[in-house]
């Protein structure tokens, strides 16, 4: 197992909460679009504090099994051709998900809503998974629906060409092709450029045109690989977080990156990923890159 697999399952952390149920539906739609299997995971030792069960281990396992069985039946009722498997584990949710991320195409996590990243992952556990997973990890809020006709594009931030952006672009283009959406590639221009460049509309517009050309060049290999995917380019002033929050208002998915860390226990996310996870009003994919 050297890394995440392109044909691996879409793994969902499921606890029965509204956020995790919405995450399962989102994962099922994505899996159907990409012809991938779904794996529903429940950790009976990491259940939500609101779970209506006593604390005995047997009752917790029974509750977890019922959650998995019910969700599997609901998904298959809507998607008869979907391949679904379930896994009830005693390992902590964070460890089980990170381990599965070695061969999964993506992990899907529920989140409670704006201002919070956690459902049954209890905050730090969710951030732990997002920061350590070897494959992309997507957070889905309880209020996120996957059938909003106004949400027709995949937003991806591209600050530089090469190893830092290619995994994000690959994920964004693959997602867009599967769901028939377009890609909006976005680059943020630091506000400091207003000071470092001489005043004058002509010079300023020329600088922005140069940056747009650099953005198009970074995206060009992926546009060639996915010729059916429409692409929009956007260069805007502001911090990367501010720009992404602004352009993601009507996106179906926002794709951000995080650097891989050599230390196995180092799982800090950058400010852009944090801002997107807390404030972007749609599912957010965190994609590791070099």
Protein backbone atom coordinates (compact mmCIF):
# COMPACT_ATOMS: atom_id res chain seq x y z
CA UNK A 1 0.00 0.00 0.00
CA UNK A 2 2.10 2.87 -1.27
CA UNK A 3 -0.58 5.51 -1.59
CA UNK A 4 -4.25 6.25 -2.21
CA UNK A 5 -5.79 4.42 -5.12
CA UNK A 6 -7.57 6.01 -8.06
CA UNK A 7 -10.13 3.20 -7.97
CA UNK A 8 -10.28 2.82 -4.22
CA UNK A 9 -13.54 3.25 -2.31
CA UNK A 10 -15.17 6.46 -1.19
CA UNK A 11 -14.95 6.02 2.58
CA UNK A 12 -17.56 7.70 4.80
CA UNK A 13 -17.34 8.18 8.56
CA UNK A 14 -20.88 7.46 9.72
CA UNK A 15 -22.41 7.91 13.17
CA UNK A 16 -26.09 8.46 12.35
CA UNK A 17 -26.04 12.22 12.94
CA UNK A 18 -27.65 14.47 10.28
CA UNK A 19 -24.23 15.65 9.11
CA UNK A 20 -22.87 12.14 8.66
CA UNK A 21 -26.05 11.02 6.87
CA UNK A 22 -25.73 13.96 4.44
CA UNK A 23 -22.07 13.04 3.98
CA UNK A 24 -23.10 9.48 3.09
CA UNK A 25 -25.58 10.71 0.48
CA UNK A 26 -22.94 13.04 -0.99
CA UNK A 27 -20.44 10.18 -1.08
CA UNK A 28 -22.94 7.88 -2.78
CA UNK A 29 -23.69 10.41 -5.51
CA UNK A 30 -19.97 10.97 -6.05
CA UNK A 31 -19.27 7.24 -6.12
CA UNK A 32 -22.02 6.66 -8.68
CA UNK A 33 -20.70 9.47 -10.88
CA UNK A 34 -17.19 8.00 -10.74
CA UNK A 35 -18.21 4.31 -10.71
CA UNK A 36 -16.55 3.66 -7.38
CA UNK A 37 -17.65 1.61 -4.36
CA UNK A 38 -18.66 3.16 -1.03
CA UNK A 39 -17.37 2.00 2.33
CA UNK A 40 -19.42 3.05 5.38
CA UNK A 41 -17.31 3.11 8.54
CA UNK A 42 -18.57 3.30 12.11
CA UNK A 43 -16.32 3.32 15.15
CA UNK A 44 -18.40 2.11 18.09
CA UNK A 45 -15.83 3.51 20.51
CA UNK A 46 -16.12 7.01 18.97
CA UNK A 47 -19.85 7.66 19.00
CA UNK A 48 -21.51 11.08 19.40
CA UNK A 49 -22.27 12.17 22.93
CA UNK A 50 -25.94 12.46 21.96
CA UNK A 51 -26.24 8.81 20.88
CA UNK A 52 -29.39 7.44 22.61
CA UNK A 53 -27.69 4.38 24.10
CA UNK A 54 -26.23 3.34 27.43
CA UNK A 55 -22.47 3.12 27.76
CA UNK A 56 -22.09 -0.66 27.71
CA UNK A 57 -19.88 -1.95 24.91
CA UNK A 58 -22.47 -4.43 23.64
CA UNK A 59 -25.11 -1.71 23.30
CA UNK A 60 -22.64 0.56 21.51
CA UNK A 61 -21.76 -2.15 19.01
CA UNK A 62 -25.43 -2.92 18.42
CA UNK A 63 -26.19 0.77 17.86
CA UNK A 64 -23.29 1.05 15.40
CA UNK A 65 -24.44 -2.00 13.47
CA UNK A 66 -27.95 -0.58 13.18
CA UNK A 67 -26.62 2.76 11.93
CA UNK A 68 -24.60 1.03 9.22
CA UNK A 69 -27.40 -1.34 8.20
CA UNK A 70 -29.97 1.45 7.94
CA UNK A 71 -27.70 3.72 5.87
CA UNK A 72 -26.69 0.89 3.54
CA UNK A 73 -30.35 0.05 2.88
CA UNK A 74 -31.22 3.69 2.18
CA UNK A 75 -28.33 4.15 -0.26
CA UNK A 76 -29.14 0.96 -2.14
CA UNK A 77 -32.80 1.93 -2.33
CA UNK A 78 -31.83 5.07 -4.25
CA UNK A 79 -28.80 3.68 -6.08
CA UNK A 80 -29.46 0.03 -6.86
CA UNK A 81 -26.19 -0.36 -8.78
CA UNK A 82 -24.03 1.14 -6.05
CA UNK A 83 -21.56 -1.21 -4.39
CA UNK A 84 -21.72 -0.63 -0.64
CA UNK A 85 -19.78 -2.31 2.13
CA UNK A 86 -19.82 -1.57 5.84
CA UNK A 87 -17.20 -1.79 8.54
CA UNK A 88 -17.83 -1.67 12.30
CA UNK A 89 -14.55 -1.09 14.13
CA UNK A 90 -13.34 -0.73 17.69
CA UNK A 91 -10.35 1.41 16.71
CA UNK A 92 -10.71 5.18 17.25
CA UNK A 93 -12.42 6.86 14.31
CA UNK A 94 -9.40 8.99 13.45
CA UNK A 95 -7.04 6.02 13.25
CA UNK A 96 -9.47 3.87 11.27
CA UNK A 97 -10.09 6.62 8.73
CA UNK A 98 -6.43 7.57 8.31
CA UNK A 99 -5.57 3.90 7.83
CA UNK A 100 -8.29 3.48 5.18
CA UNK A 101 -7.04 6.65 3.49
CA UNK A 102 -3.96 4.75 2.35
CA UNK A 103 -5.98 3.02 -0.37
CA UNK A 104 -9.19 5.08 -0.59
CA UNK A 105 -9.97 7.48 -3.40
CA UNK A 106 -11.28 9.93 -0.83
CA UNK A 107 -12.58 10.19 2.73
CA UNK A 108 -15.89 11.95 3.44
CA UNK A 109 -16.54 13.48 6.86
CA UNK A 110 -19.67 15.07 8.28
CA UNK A 111 -19.42 18.49 9.91
CA UNK A 112 -21.92 20.29 12.10
CA UNK A 113 -22.10 23.57 10.23
CA UNK A 114 -20.53 26.99 9.81
CA UNK A 115 -17.93 27.72 12.44
CA UNK A 116 -17.30 24.06 13.28
CA UNK A 117 -15.62 21.17 11.52
CA UNK A 118 -16.73 18.31 13.75
CA UNK A 119 -19.58 15.84 13.99
CA UNK A 120 -18.75 12.57 15.67
CA UNK A 121 -15.08 13.39 15.16
CA UNK A 122 -15.33 15.75 18.14
CA UNK A 123 -13.35 18.61 16.64
CA UNK A 124 -9.72 17.69 17.03
CA UNK A 125 -10.33 14.21 15.62
CA UNK A 126 -11.76 15.64 12.41
CA UNK A 127 -8.82 18.02 12.04
CA UNK A 128 -6.49 15.10 12.73
CA UNK A 129 -8.00 13.13 9.82
CA UNK A 130 -7.98 16.14 7.49
CA UNK A 131 -4.34 16.81 8.30
CA UNK A 132 -2.99 13.27 8.11
CA UNK A 133 -5.02 11.50 5.40
CA UNK A 134 -2.93 10.42 2.44
CA UNK A 135 -5.90 10.86 0.10
CA UNK A 136 -8.25 13.84 -0.36
CA UNK A 137 -10.72 14.34 2.49
CA UNK A 138 -14.06 16.08 1.96
CA UNK A 139 -16.19 17.69 4.67
CA UNK A 140 -19.96 17.89 4.14
CA UNK A 141 -22.34 19.82 6.38
CA UNK A 142 -25.81 18.67 7.33
CA UNK A 143 -27.33 21.52 5.30
CA UNK A 144 -25.30 20.77 2.16
CA UNK A 145 -27.49 19.32 -0.58
CA UNK A 146 -26.14 17.75 -3.75
CA UNK A 147 -29.08 18.62 -6.00
CA UNK A 148 -28.87 22.43 -6.06
CA UNK A 149 -29.03 23.43 -9.72
CA UNK A 150 -27.34 26.76 -8.95
CA UNK A 151 -24.18 25.02 -7.75
CA UNK A 152 -22.61 24.08 -11.04
CA UNK A 153 -18.88 24.60 -10.65
CA UNK A 154 -15.86 23.26 -8.81
CA UNK A 155 -13.67 26.00 -7.35
CA UNK A 156 -9.95 25.32 -6.96
CA UNK A 157 -7.25 27.64 -5.68
CA UNK A 158 -4.06 27.69 -7.78
CA UNK A 159 -1.22 29.78 -6.42
CA UNK A 160 1.67 28.16 -8.32
CA UNK A 161 2.23 25.61 -11.05
CA UNK A 162 3.73 22.20 -10.45
CA UNK A 163 3.76 19.82 -7.50
CA UNK A 164 1.80 22.12 -5.20
CA UNK A 165 -1.16 22.60 -7.54
CA UNK A 166 -1.30 19.49 -9.72
CA UNK A 167 -2.99 17.21 -7.12
CA UNK A 168 -5.64 19.90 -6.51
CA UNK A 169 -6.26 20.39 -10.21
CA UNK A 170 -6.45 16.65 -10.84
CA UNK A 171 -9.04 16.27 -8.09
CA UNK A 172 -11.04 19.28 -9.30
CA UNK A 173 -11.08 18.23 -12.97
CA UNK A 174 -11.94 14.63 -12.12
CA UNK A 175 -14.84 15.80 -9.95
CA UNK A 176 -16.04 18.26 -12.60
CA UNK A 177 -15.94 15.70 -15.39
CA UNK A 178 -17.85 13.17 -13.30
CA UNK A 179 -20.70 15.52 -12.42
CA UNK A 180 -20.79 17.60 -15.60
CA UNK A 181 -19.65 20.77 -13.85
CA UNK A 182 -17.14 23.40 -14.84
CA UNK A 183 -13.90 24.29 -13.07
CA UNK A 184 -13.23 27.78 -11.76
CA UNK A 185 -9.49 28.15 -11.27
CA UNK A 186 -8.70 30.99 -8.89
CA UNK A 187 -5.50 32.87 -8.06
CA UNK A 188 -5.25 35.46 -5.30
CA UNK A 189 -3.03 38.49 -5.84
CA UNK A 190 -1.54 39.93 -2.63
CA UNK A 191 -2.76 43.39 -1.75
CA UNK A 192 0.90 44.39 -1.51
CA UNK A 193 1.03 44.43 -5.31
CA UNK A 194 -0.98 47.64 -5.17
CA UNK A 195 2.01 49.25 -3.48
CA UNK A 196 4.92 47.54 -5.24
CA UNK A 197 3.60 48.38 -8.72
CA UNK A 198 3.64 51.91 -10.06
CA UNK A 199 0.24 53.63 -10.02
CA UNK A 200 -1.66 53.71 -13.27
CA UNK A 201 -4.48 51.59 -14.64
CA UNK A 202 -2.52 50.43 -17.67
CA UNK A 203 0.37 48.97 -15.66
CA UNK A 204 -1.98 47.42 -13.08
CA UNK A 205 -4.14 45.78 -15.74
CA UNK A 206 -1.02 44.46 -17.43
CA UNK A 207 0.13 42.84 -14.21
CA UNK A 208 -3.23 41.16 -13.71
CA UNK A 209 -3.21 39.95 -17.31
CA UNK A 210 0.24 38.43 -16.74
CA UNK A 211 -1.03 36.65 -13.64
CA UNK A 212 -4.07 35.37 -15.51
CA UNK A 213 -1.77 34.01 -18.20
CA UNK A 214 0.33 32.25 -15.54
CA UNK A 215 -2.85 30.76 -14.08
CA UNK A 216 -3.97 29.53 -17.50
CA UNK A 217 -0.54 27.99 -18.10
CA UNK A 218 -0.71 26.09 -14.80
CA UNK A 219 -4.14 24.73 -15.70
CA UNK A 220 -3.33 23.99 -19.37
CA UNK A 221 -2.12 20.37 -18.93
CA UNK A 222 -5.29 19.46 -17.06
CA UNK A 223 -7.52 21.24 -19.55
CA UNK A 224 -5.86 19.15 -22.26
CA UNK A 225 -6.33 15.94 -20.27
CA UNK A 226 -10.02 16.74 -19.61
CA UNK A 227 -11.15 18.43 -22.86
CA UNK A 228 -14.87 18.15 -22.04
CA UNK A 229 -14.56 20.20 -18.85
CA UNK A 230 -15.27 23.91 -19.21
CA UNK A 231 -12.85 26.20 -17.36
CA UNK A 232 -13.18 29.72 -16.01
CA UNK A 233 -10.15 31.67 -14.79
CA UNK A 234 -10.33 34.29 -12.06
CA UNK A 235 -7.58 36.49 -10.64
CA UNK A 236 -8.59 38.64 -7.69
CA UNK A 237 -6.97 40.91 -5.10
CA UNK A 238 -6.89 39.78 -1.49
CA UNK A 239 -5.69 36.94 0.65
CA UNK A 240 -6.17 33.43 -0.69
CA UNK A 241 -8.74 32.75 2.03
CA UNK A 242 -10.74 35.91 1.26
CA UNK A 243 -10.78 35.22 -2.46
CA UNK A 244 -11.85 31.59 -2.07
CA UNK A 245 -14.67 32.51 0.31
CA UNK A 246 -15.96 35.09 -2.16
CA UNK A 247 -15.91 32.90 -5.27
CA UNK A 248 -17.29 29.79 -3.54
CA UNK A 249 -20.75 31.26 -2.88
CA UNK A 250 -22.32 29.14 -5.65
CA UNK A 251 -19.87 26.27 -5.99
CA UNK A 252 -20.72 22.61 -5.67
CA UNK A 253 -17.28 21.89 -4.19
CA UNK A 254 -14.27 23.95 -3.15
CA UNK A 255 -10.82 22.36 -3.39
CA UNK A 256 -7.98 23.51 -1.15
CA UNK A 257 -4.58 22.03 -0.42
CA UNK A 258 -2.37 21.18 2.50
CA UNK A 259 1.26 20.23 2.54
CA UNK A 260 2.25 16.70 3.41
CA UNK A 261 4.26 16.55 6.59
CA UNK A 262 7.19 14.18 7.17
CA UNK A 263 6.42 13.84 10.88
CA UNK A 264 3.58 11.30 11.35
CA UNK A 265 2.02 13.28 14.22
CA UNK A 266 2.20 16.68 12.53
CA UNK A 267 -1.27 17.47 11.24
CA UNK A 268 -1.62 21.24 11.21
CA UNK A 269 -3.70 22.74 8.42
CA UNK A 270 -2.83 26.04 6.84
CA UNK A 271 -4.88 29.23 7.22
CA UNK A 272 -6.56 28.86 3.82
CA UNK A 273 -7.77 25.33 4.56
CA UNK A 274 -8.96 26.41 8.02
CA UNK A 275 -10.90 29.36 6.61
CA UNK A 276 -12.51 27.25 3.90
CA UNK A 277 -13.52 24.47 6.31
CA UNK A 278 -15.14 26.92 8.69
CA UNK A 279 -16.79 29.37 6.31
CA UNK A 280 -17.19 28.13 2.71
CA UNK A 281 -20.92 27.34 2.16
CA UNK A 282 -20.42 24.04 0.32
CA UNK A 283 -18.47 20.79 0.68
CA UNK A 284 -14.72 21.35 0.96
CA UNK A 285 -12.04 18.96 -0.29
CA UNK A 286 -8.63 19.10 1.40
CA UNK A 287 -6.04 17.61 -0.95
CA UNK A 288 -2.50 16.78 0.22
CA UNK A 289 0.38 17.94 -1.96
CA UNK A 290 4.17 18.13 -1.89
